[in-house]
C-alpha atoms as a PDB file:
ATOM      1  CA  UNK A   1      -3.525 -24.388  13.918  1.00  0.00           C
ATOM      2  CA  UNK A   2      -1.993 -24.048  10.492  1.00  0.00           C
ATOM      3  CA  UNK A   3       1.060 -25.977   9.452  1.00  0.00           C
ATOM      4  CA  UNK A   4       2.918 -22.698   9.010  1.00  0.00           C
ATOM      5  CA  UNK A   5       2.315 -21.898  12.709  1.00  0.00           C
ATOM      6  CA  UNK A   6       3.672 -25.208  13.936  1.00  0.00           C
ATOM      7  CA  UNK A   7       6.832 -23.703  15.417  1.00  0.00           C
ATOM      8  CA  UNK A   8       4.742 -21.219  17.446  1.00  0.00           C
ATOM      9  CA  UNK A   9       3.359 -23.909  19.744  1.00  0.00           C
ATOM     10  CA  UNK A  10       4.297 -23.025  23.328  1.00  0.00           C
ATOM     11  CA  UNK A  11       6.262 -25.359  25.540  1.00  0.00           C
ATOM     12  CA  UNK A  12       5.383 -26.915  28.903  1.00  0.00           C
ATOM     13  CA  UNK A  13       6.826 -24.630  31.558  1.00  0.00           C
ATOM     14  CA  UNK A  14       8.362 -26.199  34.659  1.00  0.00           C
ATOM     15  CA  UNK A  15       9.859 -23.699  37.097  1.00  0.00           C
ATOM     16  CA  UNK A  16      10.357 -22.939  40.768  1.00  0.00           C
ATOM     17  CA  UNK A  17      10.823 -19.749  42.784  1.00  0.00           C
ATOM     18  CA  UNK A  18      12.122 -20.173  46.353  1.00  0.00           C
ATOM     19  CA  UNK A  19      10.120 -22.729  48.274  1.00  0.00           C
ATOM     20  CA  UNK A  20       7.047 -22.294  46.058  1.00  0.00           C
ATOM     21  CA  UNK A  21       6.886 -24.584  43.053  1.00  0.00           C
ATOM     22  CA  UNK A  22       4.993 -23.563  39.969  1.00  0.00           C
ATOM     23  CA  UNK A  23       3.985 -26.083  37.332  1.00  0.00           C
ATOM     24  CA  UNK A  24       2.130 -24.713  34.309  1.00  0.00           C
ATOM     25  CA  UNK A  25       0.980 -26.876  31.444  1.00  0.00           C
ATOM     26  CA  UNK A  26      -0.117 -25.318  28.173  1.00  0.00           C
ATOM     27  CA  UNK A  27      -2.582 -27.362  26.139  1.00  0.00           C
ATOM     28  CA  UNK A  28      -1.678 -27.620  22.484  1.00  0.00           C
ATOM     29  CA  UNK A  29      -2.829 -29.698  19.566  1.00  0.00           C
ATOM     30  CA  UNK A  30       0.347 -31.765  19.705  1.00  0.00           C
ATOM     31  CA  UNK A  31       1.161 -33.959  22.687  1.00  0.00           C
ATOM     32  CA  UNK A  32       4.884 -34.025  21.841  1.00  0.00           C
ATOM     33  CA  UNK A  33       5.991 -30.681  23.227  1.00  0.00           C
ATOM     34  CA  UNK A  34       9.489 -30.256  24.588  1.00  0.00           C
ATOM     35  CA  UNK A  35       9.532 -28.800  28.131  1.00  0.00           C
ATOM     36  CA  UNK A  36      12.077 -26.235  29.211  1.00  0.00           C
ATOM     37  CA  UNK A  37      12.789 -24.590  32.564  1.00  0.00           C
ATOM     38  CA  UNK A  38      12.476 -20.886  33.324  1.00  0.00           C
ATOM     39  CA  UNK A  39      12.818 -18.739  36.430  1.00  0.00           C
ATOM     40  CA  UNK A  40       9.530 -16.810  36.970  1.00  0.00           C
ATOM     41  CA  UNK A  41      11.204 -14.478  39.491  1.00  0.00           C
ATOM     42  CA  UNK A  42      13.386 -13.012  36.732  1.00  0.00           C
ATOM     43  CA  UNK A  43      11.003 -11.691  34.077  1.00  0.00           C
ATOM     44  CA  UNK A  44      13.734 -10.540  31.733  1.00  0.00           C
ATOM     45  CA  UNK A  45      15.464 -13.880  31.885  1.00  0.00           C
ATOM     46  CA  UNK A  46      12.180 -15.741  31.336  1.00  0.00           C
ATOM     47  CA  UNK A  47      11.290 -13.602  28.328  1.00  0.00           C
ATOM     48  CA  UNK A  48      14.741 -14.102  26.876  1.00  0.00           C
ATOM     49  CA  UNK A  49      14.593 -17.848  27.357  1.00  0.00           C
ATOM     50  CA  UNK A  50      11.165 -18.099  25.760  1.00  0.00           C
ATOM     51  CA  UNK A  51      12.293 -15.940  22.843  1.00  0.00           C
ATOM     52  CA  UNK A  52      15.360 -18.101  22.291  1.00  0.00           C
ATOM     53  CA  UNK A  53      13.311 -21.279  22.491  1.00  0.00           C
ATOM     54  CA  UNK A  54      10.797 -19.978  19.960  1.00  0.00           C
ATOM     55  CA  UNK A  55      13.621 -18.937  17.621  1.00  0.00           C
ATOM     56  CA  UNK A  56      15.213 -22.390  17.864  1.00  0.00           C
ATOM     57  CA  UNK A  57      11.866 -24.044  17.111  1.00  0.00           C
ATOM     58  CA  UNK A  58      11.357 -21.711  14.160  1.00  0.00           C
ATOM     59  CA  UNK A  59      14.757 -22.669  12.732  1.00  0.00           C
ATOM     60  CA  UNK A  60      14.052 -26.384  13.182  1.00  0.00           C
ATOM     61  CA  UNK A  61      10.669 -25.975  11.535  1.00  0.00           C
ATOM     62  CA  UNK A  62      12.184 -24.082   8.590  1.00  0.00           C
ATOM     63  CA  UNK A  63      14.684 -26.884   7.972  1.00  0.00           C
ATOM     64  CA  UNK A  64      11.837 -29.262   7.200  1.00  0.00           C
ATOM     65  CA  UNK A  65       9.794 -26.621   5.414  1.00  0.00           C
ATOM     66  CA  UNK A  66      12.565 -25.757   2.925  1.00  0.00           C
ATOM     67  CA  UNK A  67      11.974 -29.021   1.103  1.00  0.00           C
ATOM     68  CA  UNK A  68       8.536 -27.747  -0.032  1.00  0.00           C
ATOM     69  CA  UNK A  69       9.859 -24.511  -1.528  1.00  0.00           C
ATOM     70  CA  UNK A  70      11.512 -23.569  -4.801  1.00  0.00           C
ATOM     71  CA  UNK A  71      15.118 -22.446  -4.921  1.00  0.00           C
ATOM     72  CA  UNK A  72      14.175 -18.782  -5.343  1.00  0.00           C
ATOM     73  CA  UNK A  73      11.959 -18.934  -2.257  1.00  0.00           C
ATOM     74  CA  UNK A  74      14.690 -20.586  -0.217  1.00  0.00           C
ATOM     75  CA  UNK A  75      17.077 -17.772  -1.130  1.00  0.00           C
ATOM     76  CA  UNK A  76      14.512 -15.247   0.169  1.00  0.00           C
ATOM     77  CA  UNK A  77      13.913 -17.147   3.404  1.00  0.00           C
ATOM     78  CA  UNK A  78      15.705 -14.519   5.516  1.00  0.00           C
ATOM     79  CA  UNK A  79      13.584 -11.689   4.121  1.00  0.00           C
ATOM     80  CA  UNK A  80      10.496 -11.271   6.333  1.00  0.00           C
ATOM     81  CA  UNK A  81       8.681  -9.392   3.554  1.00  0.00           C
ATOM     82  CA  UNK A  82       8.753 -12.525   1.397  1.00  0.00           C
ATOM     83  CA  UNK A  83       6.391 -14.318   3.845  1.00  0.00           C
ATOM     84  CA  UNK A  84       7.719 -17.631   2.554  1.00  0.00           C
ATOM     85  CA  UNK A  85       5.792 -19.592   5.196  1.00  0.00           C
ATOM     86  CA  UNK A  86       2.544 -18.559   3.495  1.00  0.00           C
ATOM     87  CA  UNK A  87       3.668 -19.170  -0.110  1.00  0.00           C
ATOM     88  CA  UNK A  88       1.773 -22.500  -0.571  1.00  0.00           C
ATOM     89  CA  UNK A  89      -1.458 -20.908   0.672  1.00  0.00           C
ATOM     90  CA  UNK A  90      -0.956 -17.845  -1.508  1.00  0.00           C
ATOM     91  CA  UNK A  91      -0.362 -19.985  -4.609  1.00  0.00           C
ATOM     92  CA  UNK A  92      -3.448 -22.120  -3.884  1.00  0.00           C
ATOM     93  CA  UNK A  93      -5.568 -18.996  -3.488  1.00  0.00           C
ATOM     94  CA  UNK A  94      -4.200 -17.530  -6.729  1.00  0.00           C
ATOM     95  CA  UNK A  95      -5.124 -20.725  -8.593  1.00  0.00           C
ATOM     96  CA  UNK A  96      -8.679 -20.496  -7.260  1.00  0.00           C
ATOM     97  CA  UNK A  97      -8.895 -16.835  -8.283  1.00  0.00           C
ATOM     98  CA  UNK A  98      -7.517 -17.694 -11.719  1.00  0.00           C
ATOM     99  CA  UNK A  99     -10.295 -20.225 -12.295  1.00  0.00           C
ATOM    100  CA  UNK A 100     -12.935 -17.705 -11.221  1.00  0.00           C
ATOM    101  CA  UNK A 101     -11.680 -14.888 -13.475  1.00  0.00           C
ATOM    102  CA  UNK A 102     -10.538 -16.933 -16.461  1.00  0.00           C
ATOM    103  CA  UNK A 103     -11.716 -15.667 -19.830  1.00  0.00           C
ATOM    104  CA  UNK A 104     -13.645 -18.039 -22.090  1.00  0.00           C
ATOM    105  CA  UNK A 105     -11.672 -19.405 -25.012  1.00  0.00           C
ATOM    106  CA  UNK A 106     -14.206 -18.165 -27.572  1.00  0.00           C
ATOM    107  CA  UNK A 107     -14.622 -14.533 -26.451  1.00  0.00           C
ATOM    108  CA  UNK A 108     -13.271 -13.375 -29.842  1.00  0.00           C
ATOM    109  CA  UNK A 109     -15.382 -15.669 -31.995  1.00  0.00           C
ATOM    110  CA  UNK A 110     -17.659 -14.339 -34.726  1.00  0.00           C
ATOM    111  CA  UNK A 111     -20.774 -14.761 -32.614  1.00  0.00           C
ATOM    112  CA  UNK A 112     -19.398 -12.320 -30.008  1.00  0.00           C
ATOM    113  CA  UNK A 113     -17.200  -9.961 -32.068  1.00  0.00           C
ATOM    114  CA  UNK A 114     -17.966  -9.196 -35.692  1.00  0.00           C
ATOM    115  CA  UNK A 115     -15.016  -6.927 -36.492  1.00  0.00           C
ATOM    116  CA  UNK A 116     -12.392  -7.884 -33.876  1.00  0.00           C
ATOM    117  CA  UNK A 117     -10.325 -11.018 -34.416  1.00  0.00           C
ATOM    118  CA  UNK A 118      -7.314 -12.551 -32.695  1.00  0.00           C
ATOM    119  CA  UNK A 119      -5.005 -10.948 -35.258  1.00  0.00           C
ATOM    120  CA  UNK A 120      -6.267  -7.429 -34.423  1.00  0.00           C
ATOM    121  CA  UNK A 121      -5.823  -8.146 -30.734  1.00  0.00           C
ATOM    122  CA  UNK A 122      -2.268  -9.332 -31.404  1.00  0.00           C
ATOM    123  CA  UNK A 123      -1.413  -6.133 -33.295  1.00  0.00           C
ATOM    124  CA  UNK A 124      -2.877  -4.040 -30.471  1.00  0.00           C
ATOM    125  CA  UNK A 125      -0.906  -5.838 -27.752  1.00  0.00           C
ATOM    126  CA  UNK A 126       2.344  -5.553 -29.751  1.00  0.00           C
ATOM    127  CA  UNK A 127       1.785  -1.827 -30.228  1.00  0.00           C
ATOM    128  CA  UNK A 128       0.996  -1.349 -26.530  1.00  0.00           C
ATOM    129  CA  UNK A 129       4.100  -3.340 -25.580  1.00  0.00           C
ATOM    130  CA  UNK A 130       6.274  -0.910 -27.554  1.00  0.00           C
ATOM    131  CA  UNK A 131       4.520   2.052 -25.940  1.00  0.00           C
ATOM    132  CA  UNK A 132       4.880   0.429 -22.537  1.00  0.00           C
ATOM    133  CA  UNK A 133       8.628  -0.013 -23.125  1.00  0.00           C
ATOM    134  CA  UNK A 134       8.962   3.584 -24.277  1.00  0.00           C
ATOM    135  CA  UNK A 135       7.532   4.913 -20.999  1.00  0.00           C
ATOM    136  CA  UNK A 136       9.626   2.413 -18.974  1.00  0.00           C
ATOM    137  CA  UNK A 137       6.651   1.079 -17.048  1.00  0.00           C
ATOM    138  CA  UNK A 138       6.554  -1.940 -14.779  1.00  0.00           C
ATOM    139  CA  UNK A 139       5.813  -5.348 -16.375  1.00  0.00           C
ATOM    140  CA  UNK A 140       2.695  -5.646 -14.208  1.00  0.00           C
ATOM    141  CA  UNK A 141       1.268  -2.574 -15.934  1.00  0.00           C
ATOM    142  CA  UNK A 142       1.275  -4.367 -19.283  1.00  0.00           C
ATOM    143  CA  UNK A 143      -0.348  -7.452 -17.740  1.00  0.00           C
ATOM    144  CA  UNK A 144      -3.148  -5.358 -16.241  1.00  0.00           C
ATOM    145  CA  UNK A 145      -3.556  -3.530 -19.560  1.00  0.00           C
ATOM    146  CA  UNK A 146      -4.080  -6.745 -21.496  1.00  0.00           C
ATOM    147  CA  UNK A 147      -6.453  -7.975 -18.804  1.00  0.00           C
ATOM    148  CA  UNK A 148      -8.591  -4.842 -19.090  1.00  0.00           C
ATOM    149  CA  UNK A 149      -8.697  -5.177 -22.879  1.00  0.00           C
ATOM    150  CA  UNK A 150      -9.732  -8.840 -22.760  1.00  0.00           C
ATOM    151  CA  UNK A 151     -12.354  -8.196 -20.088  1.00  0.00           C
ATOM    152  CA  UNK A 152     -13.809  -5.352 -22.148  1.00  0.00           C
ATOM    153  CA  UNK A 153     -13.947  -7.406 -25.345  1.00  0.00           C
ATOM    154  CA  UNK A 154     -15.538 -10.265 -23.422  1.00  0.00           C
ATOM    155  CA  UNK A 155     -18.302  -8.073 -21.965  1.00  0.00           C
ATOM    156  CA  UNK A 156     -18.789  -5.669 -24.893  1.00  0.00           C
ATOM    157  CA  UNK A 157     -20.214  -7.509 -27.867  1.00  0.00           C
ATOM    158  CA  UNK A 158     -19.677  -6.314 -31.434  1.00  0.00           C
ATOM    159  CA  UNK A 159     -16.902  -3.887 -30.490  1.00  0.00           C
ATOM    160  CA  UNK A 160     -15.944  -1.564 -33.348  1.00  0.00           C
ATOM    161  CA  UNK A 161     -12.532  -1.980 -34.935  1.00  0.00           C
ATOM    162  CA  UNK A 162     -12.099   1.793 -35.175  1.00  0.00           C
ATOM    163  CA  UNK A 163     -12.324   2.086 -31.366  1.00  0.00           C
ATOM    164  CA  UNK A 164      -9.757  -0.641 -30.660  1.00  0.00           C
ATOM    165  CA  UNK A 165      -6.780   1.742 -30.450  1.00  0.00           C
ATOM    166  CA  UNK A 166      -8.730   4.016 -28.114  1.00  0.00           C
ATOM    167  CA  UNK A 167      -9.482   0.992 -25.917  1.00  0.00           C
ATOM    168  CA  UNK A 168      -5.778   0.124 -25.739  1.00  0.00           C
ATOM    169  CA  UNK A 169      -4.729   3.645 -24.721  1.00  0.00           C
ATOM    170  CA  UNK A 170      -7.484   3.820 -22.115  1.00  0.00           C
ATOM    171  CA  UNK A 171      -6.507   0.439 -20.682  1.00  0.00           C
ATOM    172  CA  UNK A 172      -2.838   1.471 -20.509  1.00  0.00           C
ATOM    173  CA  UNK A 173      -3.756   4.723 -18.779  1.00  0.00           C
ATOM    174  CA  UNK A 174      -5.950   2.951 -16.190  1.00  0.00           C
ATOM    175  CA  UNK A 175      -3.349   0.235 -15.567  1.00  0.00           C
ATOM    176  CA  UNK A 176      -0.682   2.890 -15.077  1.00  0.00           C
ATOM    177  CA  UNK A 177      -2.742   4.508 -12.331  1.00  0.00           C
ATOM    178  CA  UNK A 178      -2.975   1.120 -10.587  1.00  0.00           C
ATOM    179  CA  UNK A 179       0.618  -0.081 -10.872  1.00  0.00           C
ATOM    180  CA  UNK A 180       2.902   2.917 -11.447  1.00  0.00           C
ATOM    181  CA  UNK A 181       4.145   5.346  -8.821  1.00  0.00           C
ATOM    182  CA  UNK A 182       4.349   8.166 -11.378  1.00  0.00           C
ATOM    183  CA  UNK A 183       2.095   7.157 -14.283  1.00  0.00           C
ATOM    184  CA  UNK A 184       2.410   9.156 -17.506  1.00  0.00           C
ATOM    185  CA  UNK A 185      -0.229  11.787 -18.068  1.00  0.00           C
ATOM    186  CA  UNK A 186      -2.848  11.210 -20.728  1.00  0.00           C
ATOM    187  CA  UNK A 187      -1.590  14.222 -22.676  1.00  0.00           C
ATOM    188  CA  UNK A 188       1.917  12.728 -22.725  1.00  0.00           C
ATOM    189  CA  UNK A 189       0.563   9.414 -24.029  1.00  0.00           C
ATOM    190  CA  UNK A 190      -1.437  11.174 -26.753  1.00  0.00           C
ATOM    191  CA  UNK A 191       1.639  13.168 -27.760  1.00  0.00           C
ATOM    192  CA  UNK A 192       3.706   9.979 -28.007  1.00  0.00           C
ATOM    193  CA  UNK A 193       1.225   8.462 -30.461  1.00  0.00           C
ATOM    194  CA  UNK A 194       0.921  11.697 -32.482  1.00  0.00           C
ATOM    195  CA  UNK A 195      -2.671  12.241 -31.319  1.00  0.00           C
ATOM    196  CA  UNK A 196      -3.867   9.137 -33.137  1.00  0.00           C
ATOM    197  CA  UNK A 197      -6.637   8.997 -30.521  1.00  0.00           C
ATOM    198  CA  UNK A 198      -8.581  12.070 -29.412  1.00  0.00           C
ATOM    199  CA  UNK A 199     -10.270  12.731 -26.095  1.00  0.00           C
ATOM    200  CA  UNK A 200     -13.731  12.892 -27.665  1.00  0.00           C
END
């Protein structure tokens, strides 16, 4: 059982109904489980008691778990969509994915790209950032755009400098389809840049 599911461990149920005694023991990974009494004859009461007990255990567990979180995560602790109990696992997984998809430091060196240098890439990203701001896109769209450009330059050796602007527009258009709810049409993008790039 994961640490984030610690508060979900069931309790030892000790109850009686009339002259018949019922003792149920639930095996868990922890031997220190607090017992509580329920009335099995009243199903609604039993369900309510179990629900209250689980909620109390969740609150007690969160008190100790808050010390592992940042301030911003603690402020979002009441929002179930924040899934704050899984944040450490999500961050660890993102670090693993980052190592797997990290670009090499020399993907713009002369042995890989003859015409493209870091300065040309910088000019392209600055120009795309202005275009991105003009269309009021999400910040994630710009991040995906730069990622597509870097991945293309890493895989495509000896990329032509004359095609660099076309690559930037294409990457922005693809990233917009991924991240935006209403991405700008390609014709609108071409109009905004005065048809500096053609379809052919």
